[in-house]
Amino acid sequence: DLNYGAVQRISSKFRIDFVSTNIDIIRAGAFLDLPKVNVISFMSNELSWISENAFQDLPSLNLLYLNYNKIADVSPRAFNNLPNLQTVTFIGNNLENFDQSWFYKTPRLLSLRLEQNRLRNIPRSAFINLPSIGYLWINTNEIEFVDKEAFKGLRNLQLLDLSENKLRRFNFNFYTPSKLMDLSINNNNITYISNEMLDIIRTKLLVLEVTDNPLQCACLDKIIQWSDAFNISVPQRK
């Protein structure tokens, strides 16, 4: 375990790297009085649980990497009072749920990576307390259901990757006017996209990835015509 005060009282600017250790739990207050630590990385460890206040009161922390562990449980307020935190990555873990209560007082969180986990659904208003998110990766999970209001409150969302899941429909209420520039829904089970959805997402969209879905021919033709009309890239399988 990484216990209370495991890393403490370093006043200079630095980063922390834990790579291929046997650490399985990060406990409350593991990082104390570290005013200038800006990057913390736990890559390829045995992490399974992050407790409340595990990352707390770190005023300069900007990047937090938690990739390729075994994280299945994150307590509420695990990430607490991190005023400059911009990027958190959970790539390649065992998360079955995402809960925005993990984050408290993280007003600048911009980029959240949740790909390669075991997420099954994204509930209503899943990110409403994290309005600064601009880049969201939830691809390569087992997601079958995303609530129509799942992305409510994400006024600054520019990139959304939902590829390689089990989605059957694409029908969400994005904030309007949408700021989405890059949207990936390839490798799902989507058969149809409505004219209304195309109209909602097109405002600033540059790229729409829809390959490897069982789209009806008429729907695919419609998307291609739409993309030509509004100069939006829709890559096709080669």
C-alpha atoms as a PDB file:
ATOM      1  CA  ASP A   1       0.000   0.000   0.000  1.00  0.00           C
ATOM      2  CA  LEU A   2       0.941   3.632  -0.418  1.00  0.00           C
ATOM      3  CA  ASN A   3       0.075   4.959   3.033  1.00  0.00           C
ATOM      4  CA  TYR A   4      -0.406   8.376   4.634  1.00  0.00           C
ATOM      5  CA  GLY A   5       2.621  10.603   4.080  1.00  0.00           C
ATOM      6  CA  ALA A   6       4.404   8.148   1.783  1.00  0.00           C
ATOM      7  CA  VAL A   7       5.743  11.081  -0.231  1.00  0.00           C
ATOM      8  CA  GLN A   8       5.971  14.375   1.634  1.00  0.00           C
ATOM      9  CA  ARG A   9       7.649  17.734   2.186  1.00  0.00           C
ATOM     10  CA  ILE A  10       9.421  18.349  -1.086  1.00  0.00           C
ATOM     11  CA  SER A  11       9.274  22.000  -2.052  1.00  0.00           C
ATOM     12  CA  SER A  12      10.968  21.923  -5.466  1.00  0.00           C
ATOM     13  CA  LYS A  13       9.296  21.238  -8.820  1.00  0.00           C
ATOM     14  CA  PHE A  14       9.407  17.513  -9.678  1.00  0.00           C
ATOM     15  CA  ARG A  15       7.419  14.524 -10.954  1.00  0.00           C
ATOM     16  CA  ILE A  16       6.677  11.185  -9.327  1.00  0.00           C
ATOM     17  CA  ASP A  17       6.850   7.886 -11.220  1.00  0.00           C
ATOM     18  CA  PHE A  18       5.822   4.491  -9.879  1.00  0.00           C
ATOM     19  CA  VAL A  19       6.421   1.873 -12.584  1.00  0.00           C
ATOM     20  CA  SER A  20       5.921  -1.893 -12.266  1.00  0.00           C
ATOM     21  CA  THR A  21       5.668  -1.936  -8.470  1.00  0.00           C
ATOM     22  CA  ASN A  22       3.427  -4.085  -6.266  1.00  0.00           C
ATOM     23  CA  ILE A  23       1.448  -1.096  -4.938  1.00  0.00           C
ATOM     24  CA  ASP A  24      -2.239  -2.077  -4.900  1.00  0.00           C
ATOM     25  CA  ILE A  25      -3.890   0.687  -2.830  1.00  0.00           C
ATOM     26  CA  ILE A  26      -3.317   4.440  -2.637  1.00  0.00           C
ATOM     27  CA  ARG A  27      -4.565   5.591   0.758  1.00  0.00           C
ATOM     28  CA  ALA A  28      -5.696   9.008   1.996  1.00  0.00           C
ATOM     29  CA  GLY A  29      -2.937  11.581   2.339  1.00  0.00           C
ATOM     30  CA  ALA A  30      -0.300   9.531   0.530  1.00  0.00           C
ATOM     31  CA  PHE A  31       1.053  12.788  -0.928  1.00  0.00           C
ATOM     32  CA  LEU A  32       1.596  15.566   1.624  1.00  0.00           C
ATOM     33  CA  ASP A  33       2.989  19.086   1.393  1.00  0.00           C
ATOM     34  CA  LEU A  34       4.146  18.852  -2.221  1.00  0.00           C
ATOM     35  CA  PRO A  35       3.401  22.333  -3.548  1.00  0.00           C
ATOM     36  CA  LYS A  36       5.198  21.944  -6.881  1.00  0.00           C
ATOM     37  CA  VAL A  37       4.731  18.334  -7.958  1.00  0.00           C
ATOM     38  CA  ASN A  38       3.236  18.614 -11.446  1.00  0.00           C
ATOM     39  CA  VAL A  39       3.093  15.030 -12.747  1.00  0.00           C
ATOM     40  CA  ILE A  40       2.262  11.786 -10.939  1.00  0.00           C
ATOM     41  CA  SER A  41       2.438   8.536 -12.875  1.00  0.00           C
ATOM     42  CA  PHE A  42       1.415   5.026 -11.802  1.00  0.00           C
ATOM     43  CA  MET A  43       2.049   2.911 -14.897  1.00  0.00           C
ATOM     44  CA  SER A  44       1.805  -0.882 -14.969  1.00  0.00           C
ATOM     45  CA  ASN A  45       1.410  -1.515 -11.257  1.00  0.00           C
ATOM     46  CA  GLU A  46      -1.014  -3.659  -9.248  1.00  0.00           C
ATOM     47  CA  LEU A  47      -3.344  -0.796  -8.279  1.00  0.00           C
ATOM     48  CA  SER A  48      -6.894  -1.946  -7.551  1.00  0.00           C
ATOM     49  CA  TRP A  49      -8.298   0.763  -5.258  1.00  0.00           C
ATOM     50  CA  ILE A  50      -7.851   4.514  -4.871  1.00  0.00           C
ATOM     51  CA  SER A  51      -9.198   5.782  -1.553  1.00  0.00           C
ATOM     52  CA  GLU A  52     -10.831   9.094  -0.650  1.00  0.00           C
ATOM     53  CA  ASN A  53      -8.298  11.961  -0.549  1.00  0.00           C
ATOM     54  CA  ALA A  54      -5.580   9.810  -2.121  1.00  0.00           C
ATOM     55  CA  PHE A  55      -4.684  12.824  -4.273  1.00  0.00           C
ATOM     56  CA  GLN A  56      -5.463  15.915  -2.229  1.00  0.00           C
ATOM     57  CA  ASP A  57      -4.269  19.521  -1.946  1.00  0.00           C
ATOM     58  CA  LEU A  58      -1.646  19.338  -4.700  1.00  0.00           C
ATOM     59  CA  PRO A  59      -1.807  22.865  -6.135  1.00  0.00           C
ATOM     60  CA  SER A  60       0.553  22.309  -9.092  1.00  0.00           C
ATOM     61  CA  LEU A  61      -0.535  18.819 -10.154  1.00  0.00           C
ATOM     62  CA  ASN A  62      -1.302  18.955 -13.869  1.00  0.00           C
ATOM     63  CA  LEU A  63      -1.066  15.380 -15.178  1.00  0.00           C
ATOM     64  CA  LEU A  64      -2.064  12.126 -13.485  1.00  0.00           C
ATOM     65  CA  TYR A  65      -1.421   8.822 -15.256  1.00  0.00           C
ATOM     66  CA  LEU A  66      -3.003   5.642 -13.854  1.00  0.00           C
ATOM     67  CA  ASN A  67      -2.684   3.418 -16.922  1.00  0.00           C
ATOM     68  CA  TYR A  68      -2.408  -0.368 -17.081  1.00  0.00           C
ATOM     69  CA  ASN A  69      -3.244  -1.257 -13.521  1.00  0.00           C
ATOM     70  CA  LYS A  70      -6.142  -3.286 -12.077  1.00  0.00           C
ATOM     71  CA  ILE A  71      -8.224  -0.386 -10.787  1.00  0.00           C
ATOM     72  CA  ALA A  72     -11.791  -1.495 -10.114  1.00  0.00           C
ATOM     73  CA  ASP A  73     -12.754   0.837  -7.265  1.00  0.00           C
ATOM     74  CA  VAL A  74     -12.299   4.582  -6.822  1.00  0.00           C
ATOM     75  CA  SER A  75     -13.731   6.291  -3.738  1.00  0.00           C
ATOM     76  CA  PRO A  76     -15.618   9.610  -3.825  1.00  0.00           C
ATOM     77  CA  ARG A  77     -13.272  12.603  -3.621  1.00  0.00           C
ATOM     78  CA  ALA A  78     -10.248  10.484  -4.448  1.00  0.00           C
ATOM     79  CA  PHE A  79      -9.104  13.528  -6.436  1.00  0.00           C
ATOM     80  CA  ASN A  80      -9.750  16.437  -4.090  1.00  0.00           C
ATOM     81  CA  ASN A  81      -8.796  20.101  -4.367  1.00  0.00           C
ATOM     82  CA  LEU A  82      -6.506  19.866  -7.378  1.00  0.00           C
ATOM     83  CA  PRO A  83      -6.956  23.333  -8.901  1.00  0.00           C
ATOM     84  CA  ASN A  84      -4.608  22.824 -11.866  1.00  0.00           C
ATOM     85  CA  LEU A  85      -5.330  19.200 -12.725  1.00  0.00           C
ATOM     86  CA  GLN A  86      -5.921  19.006 -16.485  1.00  0.00           C
ATOM     87  CA  THR A  87      -5.415  15.385 -17.528  1.00  0.00           C
ATOM     88  CA  VAL A  88      -6.315  12.074 -15.866  1.00  0.00           C
ATOM     89  CA  THR A  89      -5.828   8.754 -17.661  1.00  0.00           C
ATOM     90  CA  PHE A  90      -7.273   5.387 -16.567  1.00  0.00           C
ATOM     91  CA  ILE A  91      -6.366   3.466 -19.738  1.00  0.00           C
ATOM     92  CA  GLY A  92      -6.345  -0.320 -19.386  1.00  0.00           C
ATOM     93  CA  ASN A  93      -7.954  -0.933 -16.001  1.00  0.00           C
ATOM     94  CA  ASN A  94     -10.944  -2.886 -14.651  1.00  0.00           C
ATOM     95  CA  LEU A  95     -13.448  -0.065 -14.150  1.00  0.00           C
ATOM     96  CA  GLU A  96     -17.070  -1.141 -14.595  1.00  0.00           C
ATOM     97  CA  ASN A  97     -18.486   2.268 -13.661  1.00  0.00           C
ATOM     98  CA  PHE A  98     -17.487   5.907 -13.848  1.00  0.00           C
ATOM     99  CA  ASP A  99     -18.639   8.267 -11.102  1.00  0.00           C
ATOM    100  CA  GLN A 100     -18.000  11.992 -11.274  1.00  0.00           C
ATOM    101  CA  SER A 101     -17.974  12.067  -7.451  1.00  0.00           C
ATOM    102  CA  TRP A 102     -14.399  10.816  -7.688  1.00  0.00           C
ATOM    103  CA  PHE A 103     -13.518  14.418  -8.528  1.00  0.00           C
ATOM    104  CA  TYR A 104     -14.020  17.378  -6.176  1.00  0.00           C
ATOM    105  CA  LYS A 105     -12.685  20.870  -6.741  1.00  0.00           C
ATOM    106  CA  THR A 106     -10.968  20.030 -10.037  1.00  0.00           C
ATOM    107  CA  PRO A 107     -12.147  23.062 -12.032  1.00  0.00           C
ATOM    108  CA  ARG A 108      -9.642  22.756 -14.892  1.00  0.00           C
ATOM    109  CA  LEU A 109     -10.027  19.068 -15.746  1.00  0.00           C
ATOM    110  CA  LEU A 110      -9.770  19.105 -19.529  1.00  0.00           C
ATOM    111  CA  SER A 111      -8.892  15.595 -20.661  1.00  0.00           C
ATOM    112  CA  LEU A 112     -10.285  12.319 -19.289  1.00  0.00           C
ATOM    113  CA  ARG A 113      -9.243   8.937 -20.699  1.00  0.00           C
ATOM    114  CA  LEU A 114     -11.278   5.888 -19.723  1.00  0.00           C
ATOM    115  CA  GLU A 115     -10.579   3.588 -22.669  1.00  0.00           C
ATOM    116  CA  GLN A 116      -9.840  -0.134 -22.356  1.00  0.00           C
ATOM    117  CA  ASN A 117     -11.934  -0.712 -19.257  1.00  0.00           C
ATOM    118  CA  ARG A 118     -15.170  -2.632 -18.599  1.00  0.00           C
ATOM    119  CA  LEU A 119     -17.691   0.202 -18.637  1.00  0.00           C
ATOM    120  CA  ARG A 120     -21.189  -0.982 -19.591  1.00  0.00           C
ATOM    121  CA  ASN A 121     -23.284   2.186 -19.484  1.00  0.00           C
ATOM    122  CA  ILE A 122     -22.998   5.948 -19.180  1.00  0.00           C
ATOM    123  CA  PRO A 123     -25.867   7.340 -17.064  1.00  0.00           C
ATOM    124  CA  ARG A 124     -27.711  10.643 -17.252  1.00  0.00           C
ATOM    125  CA  SER A 125     -25.602  13.731 -16.460  1.00  0.00           C
ATOM    126  CA  ALA A 126     -22.526  11.557 -15.923  1.00  0.00           C
ATOM    127  CA  PHE A 127     -20.139  14.504 -16.312  1.00  0.00           C
ATOM    128  CA  ILE A 128     -22.321  17.456 -15.319  1.00  0.00           C
ATOM    129  CA  ASN A 129     -20.048  18.455 -12.424  1.00  0.00           C
ATOM    130  CA  LEU A 130     -17.012  18.425 -14.733  1.00  0.00           C
ATOM    131  CA  PRO A 131     -17.983  21.132 -17.249  1.00  0.00           C
ATOM    132  CA  SER A 132     -14.397  21.936 -18.245  1.00  0.00           C
ATOM    133  CA  ILE A 133     -13.906  18.564 -19.991  1.00  0.00           C
ATOM    134  CA  GLY A 134     -12.985  19.110 -23.625  1.00  0.00           C
ATOM    135  CA  TYR A 135     -11.563  15.704 -24.552  1.00  0.00           C
ATOM    136  CA  LEU A 136     -13.249  12.459 -23.516  1.00  0.00           C
ATOM    137  CA  TRP A 137     -12.186   8.940 -24.476  1.00  0.00           C
ATOM    138  CA  ILE A 138     -14.523   6.108 -23.460  1.00  0.00           C
ATOM    139  CA  ASN A 139     -13.717   3.821 -26.370  1.00  0.00           C
ATOM    140  CA  THR A 140     -12.843   0.133 -26.193  1.00  0.00           C
ATOM    141  CA  ASN A 141     -15.193  -0.721 -23.365  1.00  0.00           C
ATOM    142  CA  GLU A 142     -18.363  -2.844 -23.214  1.00  0.00           C
ATOM    143  CA  ILE A 143     -20.829   0.046 -23.373  1.00  0.00           C
ATOM    144  CA  GLU A 144     -24.302  -0.956 -24.533  1.00  0.00           C
ATOM    145  CA  PHE A 145     -26.254   2.033 -23.243  1.00  0.00           C
ATOM    146  CA  VAL A 146     -25.542   5.756 -23.091  1.00  0.00           C
ATOM    147  CA  ASP A 147     -28.335   7.905 -21.683  1.00  0.00           C
ATOM    148  CA  LYS A 148     -29.588  10.593 -24.041  1.00  0.00           C
ATOM    149  CA  GLU A 149     -28.575  13.195 -21.421  1.00  0.00           C
ATOM    150  CA  ALA A 150     -25.236  11.552 -20.535  1.00  0.00           C
ATOM    151  CA  PHE A 151     -23.179  14.477 -21.846  1.00  0.00           C
ATOM    152  CA  LYS A 152     -25.363  17.199 -20.362  1.00  0.00           C
ATOM    153  CA  GLY A 153     -23.354  20.209 -19.208  1.00  0.00           C
ATOM    154  CA  LEU A 154     -20.274  19.513 -21.332  1.00  0.00           C
ATOM    155  CA  ARG A 155     -20.259  22.894 -23.031  1.00  0.00           C
ATOM    156  CA  ASN A 156     -16.623  22.663 -24.119  1.00  0.00           C
ATOM    157  CA  LEU A 157     -16.527  19.117 -25.494  1.00  0.00           C
ATOM    158  CA  GLN A 158     -14.341  19.050 -28.624  1.00  0.00           C
ATOM    159  CA  LEU A 159     -13.397  15.372 -28.890  1.00  0.00           C
ATOM    160  CA  LEU A 160     -15.539  12.360 -28.023  1.00  0.00           C
ATOM    161  CA  ASP A 161     -14.437   8.800 -28.725  1.00  0.00           C
ATOM    162  CA  LEU A 162     -17.104   6.109 -28.285  1.00  0.00           C
ATOM    163  CA  SER A 163     -15.575   3.638 -30.736  1.00  0.00           C
ATOM    164  CA  GLU A 164     -15.258  -0.102 -30.135  1.00  0.00           C
ATOM    165  CA  ASN A 165     -18.249  -0.519 -27.871  1.00  0.00           C
ATOM    166  CA  LYS A 166     -21.664  -2.191 -28.250  1.00  0.00           C
ATOM    167  CA  LEU A 167     -23.847   0.859 -28.893  1.00  0.00           C
ATOM    168  CA  ARG A 168     -27.006   0.258 -30.903  1.00  0.00           C
ATOM    169  CA  ARG A 169     -28.096   3.862 -31.187  1.00  0.00           C
ATOM    170  CA  PHE A 170     -26.578   7.306 -31.549  1.00  0.00           C
ATOM    171  CA  ASN A 171     -29.057   9.762 -30.105  1.00  0.00           C
ATOM    172  CA  PHE A 172     -27.654  12.219 -27.562  1.00  0.00           C
ATOM    173  CA  ASN A 173     -28.403  15.754 -26.482  1.00  0.00           C
ATOM    174  CA  PHE A 174     -25.135  17.626 -26.871  1.00  0.00           C
ATOM    175  CA  TYR A 175     -24.803  21.195 -25.694  1.00  0.00           C
ATOM    176  CA  THR A 176     -25.745  23.562 -28.500  1.00  0.00           C
ATOM    177  CA  PRO A 177     -24.154  25.123 -30.341  1.00  0.00           C
ATOM    178  CA  SER A 178     -21.906  22.083 -30.318  1.00  0.00           C
ATOM    179  CA  LYS A 179     -18.128  22.564 -30.129  1.00  0.00           C
ATOM    180  CA  LEU A 180     -17.452  18.970 -31.186  1.00  0.00           C
ATOM    181  CA  MET A 181     -14.664  18.779 -33.749  1.00  0.00           C
ATOM    182  CA  ASP A 182     -13.762  15.084 -33.626  1.00  0.00           C
ATOM    183  CA  LEU A 183     -16.366  12.362 -33.034  1.00  0.00           C
ATOM    184  CA  SER A 184     -15.676   8.625 -33.243  1.00  0.00           C
ATOM    185  CA  ILE A 185     -18.466   6.039 -33.080  1.00  0.00           C
ATOM    186  CA  ASN A 186     -16.862   3.388 -35.288  1.00  0.00           C
ATOM    187  CA  ASN A 187     -16.967  -0.315 -34.388  1.00  0.00           C
ATOM    188  CA  ASN A 188     -20.371  -0.340 -32.712  1.00  0.00           C
ATOM    189  CA  ASN A 189     -23.783  -1.793 -33.626  1.00  0.00           C
ATOM    190  CA  ILE A 190     -25.357   1.449 -34.872  1.00  0.00           C
ATOM    191  CA  THR A 191     -27.778   1.077 -37.794  1.00  0.00           C
ATOM    192  CA  TYR A 192     -29.153   4.600 -38.131  1.00  0.00           C
ATOM    193  CA  ILE A 193     -28.286   8.254 -37.445  1.00  0.00           C
ATOM    194  CA  SER A 194     -31.108  10.775 -37.681  1.00  0.00           C
ATOM    195  CA  ASN A 195     -31.036  14.036 -39.621  1.00  0.00           C
ATOM    196  CA  GLU A 196     -31.576  15.799 -36.304  1.00  0.00           C
ATOM    197  CA  MET A 197     -28.388  14.311 -34.835  1.00  0.00           C
ATOM    198  CA  LEU A 198     -26.366  15.234 -37.914  1.00  0.00           C
ATOM    199  CA  ASP A 199     -27.655  18.777 -37.628  1.00  0.00           C
ATOM    200  CA  ILE A 200     -26.736  19.007 -33.931  1.00  0.00           C
ATOM    201  CA  ILE A 201     -23.151  17.802 -34.337  1.00  0.00           C
ATOM    202  CA  ARG A 202     -22.203  19.559 -37.578  1.00  0.00           C
ATOM    203  CA  THR A 203     -21.595  23.105 -36.226  1.00  0.00           C
ATOM    204  CA  LYS A 204     -17.808  22.766 -35.831  1.00  0.00           C
ATOM    205  CA  LEU A 205     -17.295  19.111 -36.701  1.00  0.00           C
ATOM    206  CA  LEU A 206     -14.209  18.257 -38.754  1.00  0.00           C
ATOM    207  CA  VAL A 207     -14.131  14.446 -38.493  1.00  0.00           C
ATOM    208  CA  LEU A 208     -16.846  11.815 -37.999  1.00  0.00           C
ATOM    209  CA  GLU A 209     -15.703   8.186 -37.724  1.00  0.00           C
ATOM    210  CA  VAL A 210     -18.548   5.744 -38.434  1.00  0.00           C
ATOM    211  CA  THR A 211     -16.858   2.734 -40.080  1.00  0.00           C
ATOM    212  CA  ASP A 212     -17.629  -0.825 -38.973  1.00  0.00           C
ATOM    213  CA  ASN A 213     -21.234  -0.198 -37.989  1.00  0.00           C
ATOM    214  CA  PRO A 214     -24.164  -2.041 -39.633  1.00  0.00           C
ATOM    215  CA  LEU A 215     -25.491   1.235 -41.048  1.00  0.00           C
ATOM    216  CA  GLN A 216     -28.385   0.944 -43.476  1.00  0.00           C
ATOM    217  CA  CYS A 217     -27.282   1.817 -47.009  1.00  0.00           C
ATOM    218  CA  ALA A 218     -29.639   4.793 -47.251  1.00  0.00           C
ATOM    219  CA  CYS A 219     -28.313   6.155 -43.965  1.00  0.00           C
ATOM    220  CA  LEU A 220     -24.693   5.806 -45.055  1.00  0.00           C
ATOM    221  CA  ASP A 221     -25.437   7.554 -48.360  1.00  0.00           C
ATOM    222  CA  LYS A 222     -27.127  10.356 -46.433  1.00  0.00           C
ATOM    223  CA  ILE A 223     -24.083  10.777 -44.171  1.00  0.00           C
ATOM    224  CA  ILE A 224     -21.724  10.944 -47.147  1.00  0.00           C
ATOM    225  CA  GLN A 225     -23.859  13.596 -48.870  1.00  0.00           C
ATOM    226  CA  TRP A 226     -24.077  15.540 -45.611  1.00  0.00           C
ATOM    227  CA  SER A 227     -20.304  15.365 -45.102  1.00  0.00           C
ATOM    228  CA  ASP A 228     -19.687  16.655 -48.632  1.00  0.00           C
ATOM    229  CA  ALA A 229     -22.120  19.530 -48.144  1.00  0.00           C
ATOM    230  CA  PHE A 230     -20.493  20.705 -44.915  1.00  0.00           C
ATOM    231  CA  ASN A 231     -16.872  19.737 -45.649  1.00  0.00           C
ATOM    232  CA  ILE A 232     -16.681  17.147 -42.868  1.00  0.00           C
ATOM    233  CA  SER A 233     -14.291  14.216 -43.152  1.00  0.00           C
ATOM    234  CA  VAL A 234     -15.978  10.804 -42.905  1.00  0.00           C
ATOM    235  CA  PRO A 235     -13.208   8.227 -43.436  1.00  0.00           C
ATOM    236  CA  GLN A 236     -14.226   5.065 -45.302  1.00  0.00           C
ATOM    237  CA  ARG A 237     -12.799   1.575 -44.984  1.00  0.00           C
ATOM    238  CA  LYS A 238     -10.118   0.879 -47.546  1.00  0.00           C
END
